PDB file of N, CA and C in Angstrom:
ATOM      1  N   MET A   1      60.861-152.148 105.846  1.00  0.00           N
ATOM      2  CA  MET A   1      60.456-150.946 106.534  1.00  0.00           C
ATOM      3  C   MET A   1      59.259-150.343 105.825  1.00  0.00           C
ATOM      4  N   TYR A   2      58.312-149.856 106.593  1.00  0.00           N
ATOM      5  CA  TYR A   2      57.114-149.235 106.039  1.00  0.00           C
ATOM      6  C   TYR A   2      57.100-147.762 106.400  1.00  0.00           C
ATOM      7  N   GLY A   3      56.379-146.991 105.608  1.00  0.00           N
ATOM      8  CA  GLY A   3      56.247-145.577 105.902  1.00  0.00           C
ATOM      9  C   GLY A   3      57.363-144.767 105.273  1.00  0.00           C
ATOM     10  N   LEU A   4      57.426-143.521 105.694  1.00  0.00           N
ATOM     11  CA  LEU A   4      58.398-142.583 105.149  1.00  0.00           C
ATOM     12  C   LEU A   4      59.441-142.226 106.190  1.00  0.00           C
ATOM     13  N   ASN A   5      60.654-141.969 105.736  1.00  0.00           N
ATOM     14  CA  ASN A   5      61.678-141.506 106.665  1.00  0.00           C
ATOM     15  C   ASN A   5      61.643-139.977 106.722  1.00  0.00           C
ATOM     16  N   ASP A   6      62.445-139.384 107.598  1.00  0.00           N
ATOM     17  CA  ASP A   6      62.444-137.929 107.774  1.00  0.00           C
ATOM     18  C   ASP A   6      62.765-137.189 106.478  1.00  0.00           C
ATOM     19  N   ASP A   7      63.724-137.686 105.708  1.00  0.00           N
ATOM     20  CA  ASP A   7      64.101-137.036 104.457  1.00  0.00           C
ATOM     21  C   ASP A   7      62.946-137.042 103.461  1.00  0.00           C
ATOM     22  N   GLU A   8      62.228-138.143 103.393  1.00  0.00           N
ATOM     23  CA  GLU A   8      61.094-138.232 102.473  1.00  0.00           C
ATOM     24  C   GLU A   8      59.964-137.305 102.904  1.00  0.00           C
ATOM     25  N   ILE A   9      59.700-137.211 104.192  1.00  0.00           N
ATOM     26  CA  ILE A   9      58.661-136.305 104.681  1.00  0.00           C
ATOM     27  C   ILE A   9      59.049-134.862 104.400  1.00  0.00           C
ATOM     28  N   ALA A  10      60.309-134.508 104.639  1.00  0.00           N
ATOM     29  CA  ALA A  10      60.784-133.152 104.341  1.00  0.00           C
ATOM     30  C   ALA A  10      60.639-132.863 102.851  1.00  0.00           C
ATOM     31  N   ALA A  11      60.924-133.834 101.997  1.00  0.00           N
ATOM     32  CA  ALA A  11      60.789-133.651 100.550  1.00  0.00           C
ATOM     33  C   ALA A  11      59.328-133.410 100.183  1.00  0.00           C
ATOM     34  N   LEU A  12      58.415-134.145 100.795  1.00  0.00           N
ATOM     35  CA  LEU A  12      56.989-133.937 100.528  1.00  0.00           C
ATOM     36  C   LEU A  12      56.540-132.551 100.961  1.00  0.00           C
ATOM     37  N   LEU A  13      56.979-132.128 102.131  1.00  0.00           N
ATOM     38  CA  LEU A  13      56.573-130.825 102.652  1.00  0.00           C
ATOM     39  C   LEU A  13      57.057-129.679 101.772  1.00  0.00           C
ATOM     40  N   SER A  14      58.144-129.897 101.045  1.00  0.00           N
ATOM     41  CA  SER A  14      58.672-128.862 100.157  1.00  0.00           C
ATOM     42  C   SER A  14      58.386-129.180  98.685  1.00  0.00           C
ATOM     43  N   SER A  15      57.470-130.117  98.444  1.00  0.00           N
ATOM     44  CA  SER A  15      57.061-130.513  97.085  1.00  0.00           C
ATOM     45  C   SER A  15      58.232-130.933  96.208  1.00  0.00           C
ATOM     46  N   GLN A  16      59.198-131.619  96.784  1.00  0.00           N
ATOM     47  CA  GLN A  16      60.348-132.128  96.025  1.00  0.00           C
ATOM     48  C   GLN A  16      60.090-133.591  95.640  1.00  0.00           C
ATOM     49  N   PHE A  17      59.141-133.769  94.735  1.00  0.00           N
ATOM     50  CA  PHE A  17      58.759-135.114  94.326  1.00  0.00           C
ATOM     51  C   PHE A  17      59.881-135.833  93.588  1.00  0.00           C
ATOM     52  N   ASP A  18      60.866-135.096  93.067  1.00  0.00           N
ATOM     53  CA  ASP A  18      61.947-135.726  92.314  1.00  0.00           C
ATOM     54  C   ASP A  18      62.796-136.643  93.182  1.00  0.00           C
ATOM     55  N   LYS A  19      62.616-136.600  94.475  1.00  0.00           N
ATOM     56  CA  LYS A  19      63.356-137.485  95.378  1.00  0.00           C
ATOM     57  C   LYS A  19      62.732-138.882  95.431  1.00  0.00           C
ATOM     58  N   PHE A  20      61.599-139.050  94.763  1.00  0.00           N
ATOM     59  CA  PHE A  20      60.871-140.312  94.764  1.00  0.00           C
ATOM     60  C   PHE A  20      60.978-140.981  93.397  1.00  0.00           C
ATOM     61  N   SER A  21      60.680-142.270  93.353  1.00  0.00           N
ATOM     62  CA  SER A  21      60.695-143.001  92.091  1.00  0.00           C
ATOM     63  C   SER A  21      59.603-142.445  91.171  1.00  0.00           C
ATOM     64  N   THR A  22      59.713-142.741  89.885  1.00  0.00           N
ATOM     65  CA  THR A  22      58.714-142.284  88.915  1.00  0.00           C
ATOM     66  C   THR A  22      57.329-142.777  89.307  1.00  0.00           C
ATOM     67  N   ARG A  23      57.255-144.016  89.724  1.00  0.00           N
ATOM     68  CA  ARG A  23      55.981-144.614  90.143  1.00  0.00           C
ATOM     69  C   ARG A  23      55.393-143.868  91.340  1.00  0.00           C
ATOM     70  N   GLU A  24      56.236-143.542  92.313  1.00  0.00           N
ATOM     71  CA  GLU A  24      55.776-142.807  93.485  1.00  0.00           C
ATOM     72  C   GLU A  24      55.388-141.378  93.124  1.00  0.00           C
ATOM     73  N   GLN A  25      56.134-140.764  92.210  1.00  0.00           N
ATOM     74  CA  GLN A  25      55.834-139.391  91.800  1.00  0.00           C
ATOM     75  C   GLN A  25      54.454-139.278  91.169  1.00  0.00           C
ATOM     76  N   VAL A  26      54.123-140.208  90.290  1.00  0.00           N
ATOM     77  CA  VAL A  26      52.817-140.132  89.633  1.00  0.00           C
ATOM     78  C   VAL A  26      51.698-140.353  90.649  1.00  0.00           C
ATOM     79  N   LEU A  27      51.922-141.207  91.624  1.00  0.00           N
ATOM     80  CA  LEU A  27      50.924-141.424  92.670  1.00  0.00           C
ATOM     81  C   LEU A  27      50.785-140.178  93.562  1.00  0.00           C
ATOM     82  N   LEU A  28      51.884-139.507  93.845  1.00  0.00           N
ATOM     83  CA  LEU A  28      51.828-138.260  94.611  1.00  0.00           C
ATOM     84  C   LEU A  28      51.071-137.184  93.835  1.00  0.00           C
ATOM     85  N   ARG A  29      51.246-137.156  92.528  1.00  0.00           N
ATOM     86  CA  ARG A  29      50.491-136.196  91.712  1.00  0.00           C
ATOM     87  C   ARG A  29      49.000-136.512  91.755  1.00  0.00           C
ATOM     88  N   MET A  30      48.652-137.802  91.788  1.00  0.00           N
ATOM     89  CA  MET A  30      47.245-138.190  91.920  1.00  0.00           C
ATOM     90  C   MET A  30      46.703-137.723  93.269  1.00  0.00           C
ATOM     91  N   ALA A  31      47.472-137.920  94.325  1.00  0.00           N
ATOM     92  CA  ALA A  31      47.032-137.503  95.658  1.00  0.00           C
ATOM     93  C   ALA A  31      46.801-135.996  95.693  1.00  0.00           C
ATOM     94  N   ASP A  32      47.706-135.227  95.082  1.00  0.00           N
ATOM     95  CA  ASP A  32      47.522-133.774  95.018  1.00  0.00           C
ATOM     96  C   ASP A  32      46.255-133.415  94.250  1.00  0.00           C
ATOM     97  N   ALA A  33      46.027-134.088  93.123  1.00  0.00           N
ATOM     98  CA  ALA A  33      44.844-133.813  92.314  1.00  0.00           C
ATOM     99  C   ALA A  33      43.570-134.112  93.097  1.00  0.00           C
ATOM    100  N   LEU A  34      43.580-135.186  93.871  1.00  0.00           N
ATOM    101  CA  LEU A  34      42.393-135.553  94.647  1.00  0.00           C
ATOM    102  C   LEU A  34      42.180-134.642  95.849  1.00  0.00           C
ATOM    103  N   ALA A  35      43.220-133.948  96.285  1.00  0.00           N
ATOM    104  CA  ALA A  35      43.093-133.020  97.409  1.00  0.00           C
ATOM    105  C   ALA A  35      42.589-131.651  96.960  1.00  0.00           C
ATOM    106  N   ASP A  36      42.642-131.383  95.657  1.00  0.00           N
ATOM    107  CA  ASP A  36      42.151-130.108  95.137  1.00  0.00           C
ATOM    108  C   ASP A  36      40.632-130.056  95.199  1.00  0.00           C
ATOM    109  N   THR A  37      40.108-128.846  95.102  1.00  0.00           N
ATOM    110  CA  THR A  37      38.665-128.656  95.006  1.00  0.00           C
ATOM    111  C   THR A  37      38.393-127.869  93.741  1.00  0.00           C
ATOM    112  N   PRO A  38      37.713-128.443  92.766  1.00  0.00           N
ATOM    113  CA  PRO A  38      37.204-129.814  92.748  1.00  0.00           C
ATOM    114  C   PRO A  38      38.336-130.812  92.489  1.00  0.00           C
ATOM    115  N   ALA A  39      38.103-132.036  92.891  1.00  0.00           N
ATOM    116  CA  ALA A  39      39.089-133.098  92.718  1.00  0.00           C
ATOM    117  C   ALA A  39      38.960-133.653  91.301  1.00  0.00           C
ATOM    118  N   ASN A  40      39.966-133.388  90.492  1.00  0.00           N
ATOM    119  CA  ASN A  40      39.959-133.860  89.099  1.00  0.00           C
ATOM    120  C   ASN A  40      41.284-134.520  88.762  1.00  0.00           C
ATOM    121  N   VAL A  41      41.199-135.693  88.174  1.00  0.00           N
ATOM    122  CA  VAL A  41      42.378-136.373  87.642  1.00  0.00           C
ATOM    123  C   VAL A  41      42.242-136.303  86.125  1.00  0.00           C
ATOM    124  N   SER A  42      43.167-135.611  85.494  1.00  0.00           N
ATOM    125  CA  SER A  42      43.104-135.437  84.043  1.00  0.00           C
ATOM    126  C   SER A  42      43.267-136.783  83.330  1.00  0.00           C
ATOM    127  N   ASP A  43      42.833-136.809  82.086  1.00  0.00           N
ATOM    128  CA  ASP A  43      43.007-138.013  81.269  1.00  0.00           C
ATOM    129  C   ASP A  43      44.486-138.345  81.120  1.00  0.00           C
ATOM    130  N   GLU A  44      45.313-137.308  81.010  1.00  0.00           N
ATOM    131  CA  GLU A  44      46.752-137.518  80.857  1.00  0.00           C
ATOM    132  C   GLU A  44      47.351-138.158  82.113  1.00  0.00           C
ATOM    133  N   LEU A  45      46.951-137.640  83.272  1.00  0.00           N
ATOM    134  CA  LEU A  45      47.451-138.213  84.526  1.00  0.00           C
ATOM    135  C   LEU A  45      46.947-139.634  84.693  1.00  0.00           C
ATOM    136  N   TYR A  46      45.675-139.873  84.368  1.00  0.00           N
ATOM    137  CA  TYR A  46      45.139-141.228  84.487  1.00  0.00           C
ATOM    138  C   TYR A  46      45.899-142.201  83.590  1.00  0.00           C
ATOM    139  N   ALA A  47      46.200-141.776  82.370  1.00  0.00           N
ATOM    140  CA  ALA A  47      46.956-142.640  81.452  1.00  0.00           C
ATOM    141  C   ALA A  47      48.334-142.948  82.028  1.00  0.00           C
ATOM    142  N   GLU A  48      48.948-141.939  82.638  1.00  0.00           N
ATOM    143  CA  GLU A  48      50.262-142.160  83.255  1.00  0.00           C
ATOM    144  C   GLU A  48      50.149-143.099  84.456  1.00  0.00           C
ATOM    145  N   LEU A  49      49.111-142.917  85.243  1.00  0.00           N
ATOM    146  CA  LEU A  49      48.879-143.799  86.391  1.00  0.00           C
ATOM    147  C   LEU A  49      48.718-145.248  85.942  1.00  0.00           C
ATOM    148  N   ARG A  50      47.991-145.457  84.832  1.00  0.00           N
ATOM    149  CA  ARG A  50      47.737-146.820  84.356  1.00  0.00           C
ATOM    150  C   ARG A  50      49.005-147.494  83.839  1.00  0.00           C
ATOM    151  N   GLN A  51      50.042-146.724  83.560  1.00  0.00           N
ATOM    152  CA  GLN A  51      51.314-147.328  83.164  1.00  0.00           C
ATOM    153  C   GLN A  51      51.996-147.991  84.358  1.00  0.00           C
ATOM    154  N   HIS A  52      51.609-147.587  85.561  1.00  0.00           N
ATOM    155  CA  HIS A  52      52.279-148.066  86.772  1.00  0.00           C
ATOM    156  C   HIS A  52      51.384-148.889  87.697  1.00  0.00           C
ATOM    157  N   PHE A  53      50.056-148.687  87.590  1.00  0.00           N
ATOM    158  CA  PHE A  53      49.133-149.316  88.536  1.00  0.00           C
ATOM    159  C   PHE A  53      47.942-149.920  87.814  1.00  0.00           C
ATOM    160  N   SER A  54      47.392-150.982  88.410  1.00  0.00           N
ATOM    161  CA  SER A  54      46.177-151.586  87.875  1.00  0.00           C
ATOM    162  C   SER A  54      44.978-150.721  88.256  1.00  0.00           C
ATOM    163  N   GLU A  55      43.867-150.936  87.579  1.00  0.00           N
ATOM    164  CA  GLU A  55      42.651-150.196  87.916  1.00  0.00           C
ATOM    165  C   GLU A  55      42.233-150.498  89.356  1.00  0.00           C
ATOM    166  N   GLU A  56      42.390-151.740  89.786  1.00  0.00           N
ATOM    167  CA  GLU A  56      42.046-152.110  91.162  1.00  0.00           C
ATOM    168  C   GLU A  56      42.902-151.343  92.171  1.00  0.00           C
ATOM    169  N   GLN A  57      44.193-151.206  91.880  1.00  0.00           N
ATOM    170  CA  GLN A  57      45.069-150.443  92.775  1.00  0.00           C
ATOM    171  C   GLN A  57      44.650-148.981  92.829  1.00  0.00           C
ATOM    172  N   LEU A  58      44.301-148.410  91.686  1.00  0.00           N
ATOM    173  CA  LEU A  58      43.886-147.011  91.657  1.00  0.00           C
ATOM    174  C   LEU A  58      42.575-146.791  92.406  1.00  0.00           C
ATOM    175  N   ILE A  59      41.678-147.755  92.336  1.00  0.00           N
ATOM    176  CA  ILE A  59      40.429-147.665  93.105  1.00  0.00           C
ATOM    177  C   ILE A  59      40.746-147.628  94.595  1.00  0.00           C
ATOM    178  N   GLU A  60      41.656-148.490  95.023  1.00  0.00           N
ATOM    179  CA  GLU A  60      42.038-148.514  96.434  1.00  0.00           C
ATOM    180  C   GLU A  60      42.721-147.215  96.852  1.00  0.00           C
ATOM    181  N   PHE A  61      43.632-146.712  96.025  1.00  0.00           N
ATOM    182  CA  PHE A  61      44.304-145.445  96.332  1.00  0.00           C
ATOM    183  C   PHE A  61      43.299-144.305  96.428  1.00  0.00           C
ATOM    184  N   ALA A  62      42.358-144.255  95.473  1.00  0.00           N
ATOM    185  CA  ALA A  62      41.351-143.185  95.473  1.00  0.00           C
ATOM    186  C   ALA A  62      40.454-143.289  96.707  1.00  0.00           C
ATOM    187  N   ALA A  63      40.097-144.503  97.107  1.00  0.00           N
ATOM    188  CA  ALA A  63      39.276-144.685  98.308  1.00  0.00           C
ATOM    189  C   ALA A  63      40.029-144.223  99.552  1.00  0.00           C
ATOM    190  N   ASP A  64      41.313-144.549  99.635  1.00  0.00           N
ATOM    191  CA  ASP A  64      42.124-144.104 100.777  1.00  0.00           C
ATOM    192  C   ASP A  64      42.217-142.582 100.818  1.00  0.00           C
ATOM    193  N   ALA A  65      42.447-141.971  99.647  1.00  0.00           N
ATOM    194  CA  ALA A  65      42.535-140.507  99.590  1.00  0.00           C
ATOM    195  C   ALA A  65      41.199-139.876  99.970  1.00  0.00           C
ATOM    196  N   GLY A  66      40.111-140.465  99.507  1.00  0.00           N
ATOM    197  CA  GLY A  66      38.781-139.949  99.852  1.00  0.00           C
ATOM    198  C   GLY A  66      38.504-140.053 101.348  1.00  0.00           C
ATOM    199  N   GLN A  67      38.899-141.140 101.961  1.00  0.00           N
ATOM    200  CA  GLN A  67      38.712-141.312 103.403  1.00  0.00           C
ATOM    201  C   GLN A  67      39.514-140.280 104.184  1.00  0.00           C
ATOM    202  N   GLU A  68      40.747-140.047 103.761  1.00  0.00           N
ATOM    203  CA  GLU A  68      41.585-139.053 104.436  1.00  0.00           C
ATOM    204  C   GLU A  68      41.012-137.648 104.262  1.00  0.00           C
ATOM    205  N   ASN A  69      40.504-137.349 103.076  1.00  0.00           N
ATOM    206  CA  ASN A  69      39.891-136.048 102.823  1.00  0.00           C
ATOM    207  C   ASN A  69      38.663-135.865 103.728  1.00  0.00           C
ATOM    208  N   PHE A  70      37.849-136.902 103.841  1.00  0.00           N
ATOM    209  CA  PHE A  70      36.680-136.874 104.722  1.00  0.00           C
ATOM    210  C   PHE A  70      37.099-136.600 106.168  1.00  0.00           C
ATOM    211  N   ARG A  71      38.111-137.318 106.634  1.00  0.00           N
ATOM    212  CA  ARG A  71      38.575-137.147 108.008  1.00  0.00           C
ATOM    213  C   ARG A  71      39.107-135.738 108.237  1.00  0.00           C
ATOM    214  N   ALA A  72      39.891-135.251 107.287  1.00  0.00           N
ATOM    215  CA  ALA A  72      40.469-133.915 107.433  1.00  0.00           C
ATOM    216  C   ALA A  72      39.391-132.835 107.453  1.00  0.00           C
ATOM    217  N   ARG A  73      38.382-132.977 106.607  1.00  0.00           N
ATOM    218  CA  ARG A  73      37.307-131.980 106.582  1.00  0.00           C
ATOM    219  C   ARG A  73      36.464-132.050 107.855  1.00  0.00           C
ATOM    220  N   ALA A  74      36.231-133.240 108.364  1.00  0.00           N
ATOM    221  CA  ALA A  74      35.496-133.364 109.622  1.00  0.00           C
ATOM    222  C   ALA A  74      36.286-132.737 110.760  1.00  0.00           C
ATOM    223  N   ASN A  75      37.599-132.906 110.758  1.00  0.00           N
ATOM    224  CA  ASN A  75      38.428-132.293 111.796  1.00  0.00           C
ATOM    225  C   ASN A  75      38.306-130.772 111.777  1.00  0.00           C
ATOM    226  N   ARG A  76      38.133-130.181 110.606  1.00  0.00           N
ATOM    227  CA  ARG A  76      37.997-128.722 110.520  1.00  0.00           C
ATOM    228  C   ARG A  76      36.702-128.254 111.165  1.00  0.00           C
ATOM    229  N   VAL A  77      35.646-129.042 111.048  1.00  0.00           N
ATOM    230  CA  VAL A  77      34.374-128.664 111.668  1.00  0.00           C
ATOM    231  C   VAL A  77      34.548-128.499 113.173  1.00  0.00           C
ATOM    232  N   PHE A  78      35.323-129.388 113.764  1.00  0.00           N
ATOM    233  CA  PHE A  78      35.494-129.399 115.213  1.00  0.00           C
ATOM    234  C   PHE A  78      36.818-128.785 115.652  1.00  0.00           C
ATOM    235  N   ASN A  79      37.497-128.114 114.712  1.00  0.00           N
ATOM    236  CA  ASN A  79      38.755-127.428 114.999  1.00  0.00           C
ATOM    237  C   ASN A  79      39.788-128.355 115.640  1.00  0.00           C
ATOM    238  N   VAL A  80      39.868-129.577 115.120  1.00  0.00           N
ATOM    239  CA  VAL A  80      40.832-130.548 115.614  1.00  0.00           C
ATOM    240  C   VAL A  80      42.170-130.259 114.944  1.00  0.00           C
ATOM    241  N   GLY A  81      43.166-129.978 115.728  1.00  0.00           N
ATOM    242  CA  GLY A  81      44.489-129.676 115.199  1.00  0.00           C
ATOM    243  C   GLY A  81      45.433-130.845 115.361  1.00  0.00           C
ATOM    244  N   SER A  82      46.654-130.594 115.046  1.00  0.00           N
ATOM    245  CA  SER A  82      47.686-131.606 115.162  1.00  0.00           C
ATOM    246  C   SER A  82      48.043-131.844 116.626  1.00  0.00           C
ATOM    247  N   ASP A  83      48.379-133.061 116.945  1.00  0.00           N
ATOM    248  CA  ASP A  83      48.884-133.383 118.275  1.00  0.00           C
ATOM    249  C   ASP A  83      50.383-133.168 118.354  1.00  0.00           C
ATOM    250  N   ALA A  84      50.965-132.716 117.254  1.00  0.00           N
ATOM    251  CA  ALA A  84      52.407-132.489 117.162  1.00  0.00           C
ATOM    252  C   ALA A  84      53.195-133.745 117.552  1.00  0.00           C
ATOM    253  N   LEU A  85      52.690-134.876 117.103  1.00  0.00           N
ATOM    254  CA  LEU A  85      53.349-136.135 117.409  1.00  0.00           C
ATOM    255  C   LEU A  85      54.575-136.355 116.538  1.00  0.00           C
ATOM    256  N   TYR A  86      54.686-135.578 115.476  1.00  0.00           N
ATOM    257  CA  TYR A  86      55.813-135.755 114.573  1.00  0.00           C
ATOM    258  C   TYR A  86      56.268-134.396 114.062  1.00  0.00           C
ATOM    259  N   CYS A  87      57.551-134.230 113.985  1.00  0.00           N
ATOM    260  CA  CYS A  87      58.125-133.071 113.298  1.00  0.00           C
ATOM    261  C   CYS A  87      59.473-133.496 112.718  1.00  0.00           C
ATOM    262  N   VAL A  88      59.809-132.894 111.586  1.00  0.00           N
ATOM    263  CA  VAL A  88      61.084-133.206 110.956  1.00  0.00           C
ATOM    264  C   VAL A  88      62.182-132.498 111.733  1.00  0.00           C
ATOM    265  N   VAL A  89      63.177-133.254 112.155  1.00  0.00           N
ATOM    266  CA  VAL A  89      64.299-132.683 112.893  1.00  0.00           C
ATOM    267  C   VAL A  89      65.338-132.241 111.868  1.00  0.00           C
ATOM    268  N   PRO A  90      65.680-130.950 111.855  1.00  0.00           N
ATOM    269  CA  PRO A  90      66.668-130.481 110.870  1.00  0.00           C
ATOM    270  C   PRO A  90      68.015-131.176 111.048  1.00  0.00           C
ATOM    271  N   LYS A  91      68.676-131.408 109.907  1.00  0.00           N
ATOM    272  CA  LYS A  91      70.018-132.005 109.975  1.00  0.00           C
ATOM    273  C   LYS A  91      71.015-130.967 110.461  1.00  0.00           C
ATOM    274  N   ARG A  92      72.011-131.420 111.186  1.00  0.00           N
ATOM    275  CA  ARG A  92      73.025-130.499 111.707  1.00  0.00           C
ATOM    276  C   ARG A  92      74.251-130.512 110.863  1.00  0.00           C
TER     277      ARG A  92
END
């Protein structure tokens, strides 16, 4: 299975990274750092990332994050909103 399930998406929306593996948590912290303005990854975070990922993998992750940031900023220029194609359904 690929992607995230509803529980994982809900955890991300509430910044509950502890629901993810250590490897996933450090990558989520990188994604948050790259979404900040300015986008800075500290030496400490980079060292932690290198414990889990190769430099080639980090280059690919950073390129993906940069592409998403570009798309999101372009959407703001044209006031493109969500199509509401997905929402987390609360558990009963």
